[in-house]
Amino acid sequence: MEPRTAPASRRRPPVAAWLPLAALLLVFLLGLLFYGESRYRSCIARAEAEFPAVPVSSFNQRATGPLKVSFVEERARALDACGRF
């Protein structure tokens, strides 16, 4: 008695046939993650440049003034607007 084989339409392709597709999918996903992280980092850098963290001391009354304004709320809003996705 001979062993039964599956019909040609039901045979699975070898692993080597799926390897290029898996590699392309992996490269695409890694590129997507890299793009998202790059976009997030540039948004953070833009927010930090627009609203710098300036230390304001409550002990030194003469050093505070129009040049020593801390942009706490504006900075927080700008940083919250930066989303990973």
PDB file of N, CA and C in Angstrom:
ATOM      1  N   MET A   1       0.835  -1.162   0.000  1.00  0.00           N
ATOM      2  CA  MET A   1       0.000   0.000   0.000  1.00  0.00           C
ATOM      3  C   MET A   1       0.894   1.245   0.000  1.00  0.00           C
ATOM      4  N   GLU A   2       0.607   2.176  -0.863  1.00  0.00           N
ATOM      5  CA  GLU A   2       1.405   3.388  -0.980  1.00  0.00           C
ATOM      6  C   GLU A   2       0.860   4.452  -0.028  1.00  0.00           C
ATOM      7  N   PRO A   3       1.774   5.312   0.504  1.00  0.00           N
ATOM      8  CA  PRO A   3       1.289   6.376   1.395  1.00  0.00           C
ATOM      9  C   PRO A   3       0.483   7.395   0.604  1.00  0.00           C
ATOM     10  N   ARG A   4      -0.512   7.921   1.249  1.00  0.00           N
ATOM     11  CA  ARG A   4      -1.373   8.900   0.593  1.00  0.00           C
ATOM     12  C   ARG A   4      -0.717  10.278   0.652  1.00  0.00           C
ATOM     13  N   THR A   5      -0.794  10.996  -0.405  1.00  0.00           N
ATOM     14  CA  THR A   5      -0.265  12.354  -0.462  1.00  0.00           C
ATOM     15  C   THR A   5      -1.420  13.313  -0.695  1.00  0.00           C
ATOM     16  N   ALA A   6      -1.246  14.506  -0.217  1.00  0.00           N
ATOM     17  CA  ALA A   6      -2.296  15.514  -0.376  1.00  0.00           C
ATOM     18  C   ALA A   6      -2.328  15.972  -1.824  1.00  0.00           C
ATOM     19  N   PRO A   7      -3.481  16.391  -2.295  1.00  0.00           N
ATOM     20  CA  PRO A   7      -3.558  16.923  -3.654  1.00  0.00           C
ATOM     21  C   PRO A   7      -2.653  18.164  -3.788  1.00  0.00           C
ATOM     22  N   ALA A   8      -2.306  18.474  -5.004  1.00  0.00           N
ATOM     23  CA  ALA A   8      -1.375  19.574  -5.265  1.00  0.00           C
ATOM     24  C   ALA A   8      -1.915  20.908  -4.748  1.00  0.00           C
ATOM     25  N   SER A   9      -3.214  21.086  -4.755  1.00  0.00           N
ATOM     26  CA  SER A   9      -3.783  22.350  -4.314  1.00  0.00           C
ATOM     27  C   SER A   9      -3.734  22.511  -2.794  1.00  0.00           C
ATOM     28  N   ARG A  10      -3.559  21.431  -2.052  1.00  0.00           N
ATOM     29  CA  ARG A  10      -3.571  21.499  -0.595  1.00  0.00           C
ATOM     30  C   ARG A  10      -2.169  21.435   0.003  1.00  0.00           C
ATOM     31  N   ARG A  11      -1.156  21.301  -0.807  1.00  0.00           N
ATOM     32  CA  ARG A  11       0.200  21.238  -0.280  1.00  0.00           C
ATOM     33  C   ARG A  11       0.630  22.613   0.195  1.00  0.00           C
ATOM     34  N   ARG A  12       1.391  22.636   1.259  1.00  0.00           N
ATOM     35  CA  ARG A  12       1.911  23.896   1.772  1.00  0.00           C
ATOM     36  C   ARG A  12       3.186  24.263   1.034  1.00  0.00           C
ATOM     37  N   PRO A  13       3.362  25.550   0.741  1.00  0.00           N
ATOM     38  CA  PRO A  13       4.616  25.950   0.095  1.00  0.00           C
ATOM     39  C   PRO A  13       5.766  25.860   1.101  1.00  0.00           C
ATOM     40  N   PRO A  14       6.959  25.692   0.617  1.00  0.00           N
ATOM     41  CA  PRO A  14       8.091  25.592   1.541  1.00  0.00           C
ATOM     42  C   PRO A  14       8.308  26.912   2.277  1.00  0.00           C
ATOM     43  N   VAL A  15       9.000  26.835   3.380  1.00  0.00           N
ATOM     44  CA  VAL A  15       9.261  28.009   4.212  1.00  0.00           C
ATOM     45  C   VAL A  15      10.021  29.073   3.429  1.00  0.00           C
ATOM     46  N   ALA A  16      10.869  28.671   2.536  1.00  0.00           N
ATOM     47  CA  ALA A  16      11.657  29.620   1.749  1.00  0.00           C
ATOM     48  C   ALA A  16      10.766  30.538   0.912  1.00  0.00           C
ATOM     49  N   ALA A  17       9.573  30.095   0.569  1.00  0.00           N
ATOM     50  CA  ALA A  17       8.664  30.932  -0.205  1.00  0.00           C
ATOM     51  C   ALA A  17       8.060  32.038   0.651  1.00  0.00           C
ATOM     52  N   TRP A  18       7.904  31.811   1.940  1.00  0.00           N
ATOM     53  CA  TRP A  18       7.322  32.805   2.846  1.00  0.00           C
ATOM     54  C   TRP A  18       8.376  33.757   3.420  1.00  0.00           C
ATOM     55  N   LEU A  19       9.621  33.403   3.350  1.00  0.00           N
ATOM     56  CA  LEU A  19      10.680  34.194   3.961  1.00  0.00           C
ATOM     57  C   LEU A  19      10.782  35.610   3.389  1.00  0.00           C
ATOM     58  N   PRO A  20      10.784  35.833   2.078  1.00  0.00           N
ATOM     59  CA  PRO A  20      10.842  37.220   1.565  1.00  0.00           C
ATOM     60  C   PRO A  20       9.647  38.069   1.995  1.00  0.00           C
ATOM     61  N   LEU A  21       8.470  37.459   2.027  1.00  0.00           N
ATOM     62  CA  LEU A  21       7.282  38.191   2.462  1.00  0.00           C
ATOM     63  C   LEU A  21       7.391  38.585   3.932  1.00  0.00           C
ATOM     64  N   ALA A  22       7.865  37.686   4.762  1.00  0.00           N
ATOM     65  CA  ALA A  22       8.042  37.987   6.177  1.00  0.00           C
ATOM     66  C   ALA A  22       9.100  39.071   6.375  1.00  0.00           C
ATOM     67  N   ALA A  23      10.168  39.040   5.592  1.00  0.00           N
ATOM     68  CA  ALA A  23      11.219  40.050   5.698  1.00  0.00           C
ATOM     69  C   ALA A  23      10.682  41.423   5.281  1.00  0.00           C
ATOM     70  N   LEU A  24       9.902  41.478   4.210  1.00  0.00           N
ATOM     71  CA  LEU A  24       9.312  42.747   3.784  1.00  0.00           C
ATOM     72  C   LEU A  24       8.344  43.303   4.824  1.00  0.00           C
ATOM     73  N   LEU A  25       7.567  42.436   5.419  1.00  0.00           N
ATOM     74  CA  LEU A  25       6.638  42.867   6.461  1.00  0.00           C
ATOM     75  C   LEU A  25       7.388  43.404   7.665  1.00  0.00           C
ATOM     76  N   LEU A  26       8.465  42.747   8.050  1.00  0.00           N
ATOM     77  CA  LEU A  26       9.272  43.194   9.173  1.00  0.00           C
ATOM     78  C   LEU A  26       9.923  44.547   8.884  1.00  0.00           C
ATOM     79  N   VAL A  27      10.450  44.725   7.689  1.00  0.00           N
ATOM     80  CA  VAL A  27      11.067  46.001   7.311  1.00  0.00           C
ATOM     81  C   VAL A  27      10.008  47.109   7.308  1.00  0.00           C
ATOM     82  N   PHE A  28       8.829  46.825   6.817  1.00  0.00           N
ATOM     83  CA  PHE A  28       7.751  47.812   6.808  1.00  0.00           C
ATOM     84  C   PHE A  28       7.364  48.220   8.227  1.00  0.00           C
ATOM     85  N   LEU A  29       7.200  47.269   9.116  1.00  0.00           N
ATOM     86  CA  LEU A  29       6.822  47.571  10.493  1.00  0.00           C
ATOM     87  C   LEU A  29       7.912  48.350  11.219  1.00  0.00           C
ATOM     88  N   LEU A  30       9.161  47.975  11.015  1.00  0.00           N
ATOM     89  CA  LEU A  30      10.259  48.709  11.636  1.00  0.00           C
ATOM     90  C   LEU A  30      10.349  50.130  11.091  1.00  0.00           C
ATOM     91  N   GLY A  31      10.117  50.303   9.806  1.00  0.00           N
ATOM     92  CA  GLY A  31      10.109  51.641   9.221  1.00  0.00           C
ATOM     93  C   GLY A  31       8.981  52.491   9.790  1.00  0.00           C
ATOM     94  N   LEU A  32       7.833  51.890   9.992  1.00  0.00           N
ATOM     95  CA  LEU A  32       6.699  52.596  10.580  1.00  0.00           C
ATOM     96  C   LEU A  32       7.002  53.026  12.007  1.00  0.00           C
ATOM     97  N   LEU A  33       7.614  52.149  12.785  1.00  0.00           N
ATOM     98  CA  LEU A  33       7.994  52.496  14.154  1.00  0.00           C
ATOM     99  C   LEU A  33       9.055  53.595  14.178  1.00  0.00           C
ATOM    100  N   PHE A  34      10.019  53.520  13.276  1.00  0.00           N
ATOM    101  CA  PHE A  34      11.062  54.539  13.205  1.00  0.00           C
ATOM    102  C   PHE A  34      10.461  55.894  12.844  1.00  0.00           C
ATOM    103  N   TYR A  35       9.550  55.915  11.882  1.00  0.00           N
ATOM    104  CA  TYR A  35       8.891  57.159  11.489  1.00  0.00           C
ATOM    105  C   TYR A  35       8.104  57.753  12.656  1.00  0.00           C
ATOM    106  N   GLY A  36       7.372  56.939  13.365  1.00  0.00           N
ATOM    107  CA  GLY A  36       6.583  57.419  14.500  1.00  0.00           C
ATOM    108  C   GLY A  36       7.458  57.987  15.609  1.00  0.00           C
ATOM    109  N   GLU A  37       8.543  57.304  15.911  1.00  0.00           N
ATOM    110  CA  GLU A  37       9.446  57.783  16.960  1.00  0.00           C
ATOM    111  C   GLU A  37      10.139  59.072  16.531  1.00  0.00           C
ATOM    112  N   SER A  38      10.533  59.176  15.282  1.00  0.00           N
ATOM    113  CA  SER A  38      11.177  60.381  14.772  1.00  0.00           C
ATOM    114  C   SER A  38      10.213  61.569  14.817  1.00  0.00           C
ATOM    115  N   ARG A  39       8.988  61.346  14.437  1.00  0.00           N
ATOM    116  CA  ARG A  39       7.972  62.401  14.472  1.00  0.00           C
ATOM    117  C   ARG A  39       7.708  62.852  15.905  1.00  0.00           C
ATOM    118  N   TYR A  40       7.651  61.907  16.835  1.00  0.00           N
ATOM    119  CA  TYR A  40       7.417  62.230  18.249  1.00  0.00           C
ATOM    120  C   TYR A  40       8.577  63.045  18.815  1.00  0.00           C
ATOM    121  N   ARG A  41       9.807  62.621  18.523  1.00  0.00           N
ATOM    122  CA  ARG A  41      10.989  63.339  19.036  1.00  0.00           C
ATOM    123  C   ARG A  41      11.067  64.755  18.472  1.00  0.00           C
ATOM    124  N   SER A  42      10.738  64.941  17.206  1.00  0.00           N
ATOM    125  CA  SER A  42      10.787  66.282  16.629  1.00  0.00           C
ATOM    126  C   SER A  42       9.699  67.177  17.223  1.00  0.00           C
ATOM    127  N   CYS A  43       8.560  66.615  17.545  1.00  0.00           N
ATOM    128  CA  CYS A  43       7.497  67.384  18.182  1.00  0.00           C
ATOM    129  C   CYS A  43       7.926  67.824  19.582  1.00  0.00           C
ATOM    130  N   ILE A  44       8.566  66.934  20.327  1.00  0.00           N
ATOM    131  CA  ILE A  44       9.073  67.269  21.664  1.00  0.00           C
ATOM    132  C   ILE A  44      10.124  68.371  21.556  1.00  0.00           C
ATOM    133  N   ALA A  45      11.041  68.258  20.607  1.00  0.00           N
ATOM    134  CA  ALA A  45      12.098  69.261  20.432  1.00  0.00           C
ATOM    135  C   ALA A  45      11.499  70.617  20.050  1.00  0.00           C
ATOM    136  N   ARG A  46      10.484  70.618  19.210  1.00  0.00           N
ATOM    137  CA  ARG A  46       9.826  71.862  18.809  1.00  0.00           C
ATOM    138  C   ARG A  46       9.146  72.520  20.010  1.00  0.00           C
ATOM    139  N   ALA A  47       8.469  71.715  20.833  1.00  0.00           N
ATOM    140  CA  ALA A  47       7.791  72.255  22.015  1.00  0.00           C
ATOM    141  C   ALA A  47       8.805  72.800  23.017  1.00  0.00           C
ATOM    142  N   GLU A  48       9.920  72.117  23.196  1.00  0.00           N
ATOM    143  CA  GLU A  48      10.951  72.596  24.119  1.00  0.00           C
ATOM    144  C   GLU A  48      11.620  73.861  23.608  1.00  0.00           C
ATOM    145  N   ALA A  49      11.758  74.013  22.302  1.00  0.00           N
ATOM    146  CA  ALA A  49      12.362  75.221  21.753  1.00  0.00           C
ATOM    147  C   ALA A  49      11.405  76.405  21.849  1.00  0.00           C
ATOM    148  N   GLU A  50      10.119  76.154  21.667  1.00  0.00           N
ATOM    149  CA  GLU A  50       9.149  77.245  21.712  1.00  0.00           C
ATOM    150  C   GLU A  50       8.871  77.703  23.140  1.00  0.00           C
ATOM    151  N   PHE A  51       8.787  76.753  24.054  1.00  0.00           N
ATOM    152  CA  PHE A  51       8.513  77.063  25.458  1.00  0.00           C
ATOM    153  C   PHE A  51       9.623  76.484  26.322  1.00  0.00           C
ATOM    154  N   PRO A  52      10.740  77.187  26.448  1.00  0.00           N
ATOM    155  CA  PRO A  52      11.859  76.641  27.224  1.00  0.00           C
ATOM    156  C   PRO A  52      11.530  76.576  28.710  1.00  0.00           C
ATOM    157  N   ALA A  53      12.136  75.624  29.370  1.00  0.00           N
ATOM    158  CA  ALA A  53      11.966  75.489  30.817  1.00  0.00           C
ATOM    159  C   ALA A  53      12.913  76.469  31.489  1.00  0.00           C
ATOM    160  N   VAL A  54      12.366  77.567  31.996  1.00  0.00           N
ATOM    161  CA  VAL A  54      13.162  78.595  32.646  1.00  0.00           C
ATOM    162  C   VAL A  54      12.906  78.499  34.138  1.00  0.00           C
ATOM    163  N   PRO A  55      13.947  78.296  34.926  1.00  0.00           N
ATOM    164  CA  PRO A  55      13.724  78.232  36.369  1.00  0.00           C
ATOM    165  C   PRO A  55      13.347  79.607  36.922  1.00  0.00           C
ATOM    166  N   VAL A  56      12.293  79.640  37.690  1.00  0.00           N
ATOM    167  CA  VAL A  56      11.848  80.872  38.332  1.00  0.00           C
ATOM    168  C   VAL A  56      11.947  80.650  39.823  1.00  0.00           C
ATOM    169  N   SER A  57      12.720  81.483  40.481  1.00  0.00           N
ATOM    170  CA  SER A  57      12.928  81.345  41.914  1.00  0.00           C
ATOM    171  C   SER A  57      12.015  82.300  42.665  1.00  0.00           C
ATOM    172  N   SER A  58      11.336  81.805  43.667  1.00  0.00           N
ATOM    173  CA  SER A  58      10.494  82.671  44.489  1.00  0.00           C
ATOM    174  C   SER A  58      11.318  83.367  45.563  1.00  0.00           C
ATOM    175  N   PHE A  59      12.551  82.900  45.771  1.00  0.00           N
ATOM    176  CA  PHE A  59      13.407  83.515  46.783  1.00  0.00           C
ATOM    177  C   PHE A  59      14.111  84.759  46.247  1.00  0.00           C
ATOM    178  N   ASN A  60      14.360  84.827  44.970  1.00  0.00           N
ATOM    179  CA  ASN A  60      15.067  85.947  44.379  1.00  0.00           C
ATOM    180  C   ASN A  60      14.054  86.815  43.642  1.00  0.00           C
ATOM    181  N   GLN A  61      13.511  87.822  44.318  1.00  0.00           N
ATOM    182  CA  GLN A  61      12.457  88.657  43.744  1.00  0.00           C
ATOM    183  C   GLN A  61      12.966  89.557  42.632  1.00  0.00           C
ATOM    184  N   ARG A  62      14.226  89.981  42.672  1.00  0.00           N
ATOM    185  CA  ARG A  62      14.743  90.907  41.670  1.00  0.00           C
ATOM    186  C   ARG A  62      15.053  90.206  40.348  1.00  0.00           C
ATOM    187  N   ALA A  63      15.338  88.925  40.389  1.00  0.00           N
ATOM    188  CA  ALA A  63      15.713  88.211  39.169  1.00  0.00           C
ATOM    189  C   ALA A  63      14.499  87.833  38.324  1.00  0.00           C
ATOM    190  N   THR A  64      13.323  87.850  38.921  1.00  0.00           N
ATOM    191  CA  THR A  64      12.132  87.506  38.153  1.00  0.00           C
ATOM    192  C   THR A  64      11.625  88.746  37.431  1.00  0.00           C
ATOM    193  N   GLY A  65      10.979  88.569  36.365  1.00  0.00           N
ATOM    194  CA  GLY A  65      10.480  89.690  35.586  1.00  0.00           C
ATOM    195  C   GLY A  65      10.054  89.202  34.232  1.00  0.00           C
ATOM    196  N   PRO A  66       9.924  90.093  33.257  1.00  0.00           N
ATOM    197  CA  PRO A  66       9.439  89.673  31.943  1.00  0.00           C
ATOM    198  C   PRO A  66      10.371  88.702  31.242  1.00  0.00           C
ATOM    199  N   LEU A  67      11.670  88.719  31.549  1.00  0.00           N
ATOM    200  CA  LEU A  67      12.599  87.812  30.886  1.00  0.00           C
ATOM    201  C   LEU A  67      12.673  86.452  31.568  1.00  0.00           C
ATOM    202  N   LYS A  68      12.146  86.342  32.769  1.00  0.00           N
ATOM    203  CA  LYS A  68      12.234  85.097  33.524  1.00  0.00           C
ATOM    204  C   LYS A  68      10.862  84.450  33.685  1.00  0.00           C
ATOM    205  N   VAL A  69      10.072  84.464  32.660  1.00  0.00           N
ATOM    206  CA  VAL A  69       8.730  83.883  32.708  1.00  0.00           C
ATOM    207  C   VAL A  69       8.827  82.394  32.425  1.00  0.00           C
ATOM    208  N   SER A  70       8.187  81.618  33.236  1.00  0.00           N
ATOM    209  CA  SER A  70       8.170  80.175  33.041  1.00  0.00           C
ATOM    210  C   SER A  70       6.892  79.791  32.292  1.00  0.00           C
ATOM    211  N   PHE A  71       7.036  79.082  31.196  1.00  0.00           N
ATOM    212  CA  PHE A  71       5.902  78.688  30.360  1.00  0.00           C
ATOM    213  C   PHE A  71       5.403  77.299  30.757  1.00  0.00           C
ATOM    214  N   VAL A  72       4.965  77.164  31.989  1.00  0.00           N
ATOM    215  CA  VAL A  72       4.597  75.841  32.480  1.00  0.00           C
ATOM    216  C   VAL A  72       3.350  75.307  31.780  1.00  0.00           C
ATOM    217  N   GLU A  73       2.299  76.099  31.743  1.00  0.00           N
ATOM    218  CA  GLU A  73       1.042  75.617  31.163  1.00  0.00           C
ATOM    219  C   GLU A  73       1.134  75.448  29.646  1.00  0.00           C
ATOM    220  N   GLU A  74       1.750  76.436  28.982  1.00  0.00           N
ATOM    221  CA  GLU A  74       1.885  76.346  27.529  1.00  0.00           C
ATOM    222  C   GLU A  74       2.752  75.169  27.124  1.00  0.00           C
ATOM    223  N   ARG A  75       3.827  74.979  27.868  1.00  0.00           N
ATOM    224  CA  ARG A  75       4.739  73.860  27.597  1.00  0.00           C
ATOM    225  C   ARG A  75       4.029  72.524  27.806  1.00  0.00           C
ATOM    226  N   ALA A  76       3.269  72.421  28.885  1.00  0.00           N
ATOM    227  CA  ALA A  76       2.540  71.176  29.172  1.00  0.00           C
ATOM    228  C   ALA A  76       1.535  70.867  28.067  1.00  0.00           C
ATOM    229  N   ARG A  77       0.832  71.901  27.583  1.00  0.00           N
ATOM    230  CA  ARG A  77      -0.130  71.682  26.493  1.00  0.00           C
ATOM    231  C   ARG A  77       0.563  71.252  25.204  1.00  0.00           C
ATOM    232  N   ALA A  78       1.697  71.887  24.910  1.00  0.00           N
ATOM    233  CA  ALA A  78       2.438  71.537  23.692  1.00  0.00           C
ATOM    234  C   ALA A  78       2.982  70.118  23.773  1.00  0.00           C
ATOM    235  N   LEU A  79       3.443  69.720  24.946  1.00  0.00           N
ATOM    236  CA  LEU A  79       3.976  68.358  25.099  1.00  0.00           C
ATOM    237  C   LEU A  79       2.848  67.324  25.074  1.00  0.00           C
ATOM    238  N   ASP A  80       1.686  67.687  25.604  1.00  0.00           N
ATOM    239  CA  ASP A  80       0.550  66.759  25.553  1.00  0.00           C
ATOM    240  C   ASP A  80       0.031  66.573  24.133  1.00  0.00           C
ATOM    241  N   ALA A  81       0.193  67.613  23.310  1.00  0.00           N
ATOM    242  CA  ALA A  81      -0.251  67.511  21.920  1.00  0.00           C
ATOM    243  C   ALA A  81       0.604  66.540  21.113  1.00  0.00           C
ATOM    244  N   CYS A  82       1.818  66.296  21.588  1.00  0.00           N
ATOM    245  CA  CYS A  82       2.699  65.330  20.894  1.00  0.00           C
ATOM    246  C   CYS A  82       2.264  63.926  21.287  1.00  0.00           C
ATOM    247  N   GLY A  83       1.781  63.189  20.335  1.00  0.00           N
ATOM    248  CA  GLY A  83       1.368  61.826  20.598  1.00  0.00           C
ATOM    249  C   GLY A  83       2.229  60.857  19.810  1.00  0.00           C
ATOM    250  N   ARG A  84       2.396  59.684  20.343  1.00  0.00           N
ATOM    251  CA  ARG A  84       3.215  58.698  19.635  1.00  0.00           C
ATOM    252  C   ARG A  84       2.540  58.268  18.337  1.00  0.00           C
ATOM    253  N   PHE A  85       1.234  58.087  18.355  1.00  0.00           N
ATOM    254  CA  PHE A  85       0.516  57.662  17.150  1.00  0.00           C
ATOM    255  C   PHE A  85      -0.734  58.481  16.975  1.00  0.00           C
TER     256      PHE A  85
END
